[in-house]
Every structure is written in C-alpha cells, then in structure tokens.
Amino acid sequence: MSQNNWSDRFTTFAVGIGVGALLALLFAPSSGEDTREYITGTVKQGLDGAAATGKRWTRRAQETVDDVKARVAGAVEAGEKAYRTARDA
C-alpha cells in the first residue's frame, strides 16, 4: 500500500513539474531561440556537473576499495603469521 502511495505522489510531482515547465516556456519573456539556448546551456551545465560528480564518486570509491584491500591484506598476513607461530609452537 505504501509503495502505491509513493508511486502516486511521485507521478503527481512529475506531472506538476512538467506542467510548470510548459507554462514557464509559454509565458517566458524571451524569444524561442533565446529560450532554447538557455535550456541547452543549462542542460550542458547539468551534464558537466553530473559527470564531475560521477568522476569524484568513482575516485572516492576506488580510494575506499584500495583502503579496504590494504586492510584485508594486512589482516590476512597477520592471520597467516599467527597460524605459523601457533603451528610451530
């Protein structure tokens, strides 16, 4: 039931955004060409920002993976050393 409620709310929200965008374009004080250039520029900025964010997240994820790998390798080495010590004792 809550999934359906969330879906209905999201659909209403998305339709509201679409209607608002359409009305903004219809009543815009700029010409169609200016509006298209503005939209194109805004979309490019958004895509560039998303690409930069994606690269930043990828770099941070790789750093985290490298850190975890180093920790696991250290733990494995310590475990092997402890095993050899216990076995030889």
Protein backbone atom coordinates (compact mmCIF):
# COMPACT_ATOMS: atom_id res chain seq x y z
CA MET A 1 0.00 0.00 0.00
CA SER A 2 2.77 2.46 0.89
CA GLN A 3 4.53 1.66 -2.41
CA ASN A 4 1.38 2.60 -4.33
CA ASN A 5 1.02 5.81 -2.30
CA TRP A 6 4.64 6.75 -3.03
CA SER A 7 4.14 5.99 -6.73
CA ASP A 8 1.02 8.18 -6.86
CA ARG A 9 2.80 11.05 -5.14
CA PHE A 10 5.82 10.77 -7.44
CA THR A 11 3.58 10.72 -10.52
CA THR A 12 1.73 13.80 -9.30
CA PHE A 13 5.03 15.53 -8.59
CA ALA A 14 6.43 14.66 -12.05
CA VAL A 15 3.26 15.87 -13.79
CA GLY A 16 3.43 19.10 -11.78
CA ILE A 17 7.00 19.69 -12.87
CA GLY A 18 6.07 19.06 -16.49
CA VAL A 19 3.09 21.43 -16.37
CA GLY A 20 5.18 24.07 -14.61
CA ALA A 21 7.94 23.80 -17.20
CA LEU A 22 5.43 24.05 -20.05
CA LEU A 23 3.80 27.13 -18.55
CA ALA A 24 7.19 28.72 -17.93
CA LEU A 25 8.10 28.24 -21.59
CA LEU A 26 4.76 29.55 -22.83
CA PHE A 27 4.88 32.70 -20.73
CA ALA A 28 8.63 33.30 -20.95
CA PRO A 29 9.59 36.87 -21.79
CA SER A 30 12.43 35.64 -24.05
CA SER A 31 12.21 34.56 -27.67
CA GLY A 32 12.09 30.90 -28.58
CA GLU A 33 15.69 30.93 -29.78
CA ASP A 34 16.92 32.57 -26.57
CA THR A 35 14.93 30.10 -24.50
CA ARG A 36 16.35 27.13 -26.44
CA GLU A 37 19.90 28.46 -25.99
CA TYR A 38 19.26 28.93 -22.29
CA ILE A 39 17.85 25.41 -21.93
CA THR A 40 20.76 23.95 -23.93
CA GLY A 41 23.29 25.78 -21.77
CA THR A 42 21.57 24.73 -18.58
CA VAL A 43 21.40 21.09 -19.69
CA LYS A 44 25.10 21.15 -20.64
CA GLN A 45 25.98 22.62 -17.24
CA GLY A 46 23.90 19.94 -15.55
CA LEU A 47 25.55 17.18 -17.56
CA ASP A 48 29.02 18.58 -16.87
CA GLY A 49 28.19 18.77 -13.18
CA ALA A 50 26.85 15.22 -13.18
CA ALA A 51 29.97 13.98 -14.98
CA ALA A 52 32.23 15.74 -12.47
CA THR A 53 30.22 14.31 -9.58
CA GLY A 54 30.40 10.84 -11.13
CA LYS A 55 34.18 11.11 -11.51
CA ARG A 56 34.51 12.32 -7.92
CA TRP A 57 32.37 9.44 -6.63
CA THR A 58 34.33 6.96 -8.75
CA ARG A 59 37.62 8.27 -7.38
CA ARG A 60 36.36 8.10 -3.80
CA ALA A 61 35.01 4.59 -4.35
CA GLN A 62 38.36 3.47 -5.77
CA GLU A 63 40.19 5.01 -2.80
CA THR A 64 37.84 3.16 -0.44
CA VAL A 65 38.35 -0.12 -2.31
CA ASP A 66 42.13 0.33 -2.20
CA ASP A 67 41.99 1.08 1.53
CA VAL A 68 39.85 -1.98 2.24
CA LYS A 69 42.13 -4.17 0.11
CA ALA A 70 45.16 -2.96 2.07
CA ARG A 71 43.43 -3.62 5.39
CA VAL A 72 42.33 -7.10 4.32
CA ALA A 73 45.82 -7.91 3.03
CA GLY A 74 47.26 -6.81 6.38
CA ALA A 75 44.73 -8.90 8.28
CA VAL A 76 45.43 -11.94 6.11
CA GLU A 77 49.16 -11.52 6.64
CA ALA A 78 48.67 -11.21 10.40
CA GLY A 79 46.45 -14.30 10.39
CA GLU A 80 49.00 -16.31 8.43
CA LYS A 81 51.76 -15.19 10.80
CA ALA A 82 49.65 -16.16 13.83
CA TYR A 83 48.89 -19.53 12.25
CA ARG A 84 52.57 -20.23 11.54
CA THR A 85 53.52 -19.18 15.07
CA ALA A 86 50.86 -21.42 16.61
CA ARG A 87 51.76 -24.32 14.33
CA ASP A 88 55.48 -24.07 15.09
CA ALA A 89 54.98 -23.77 18.86
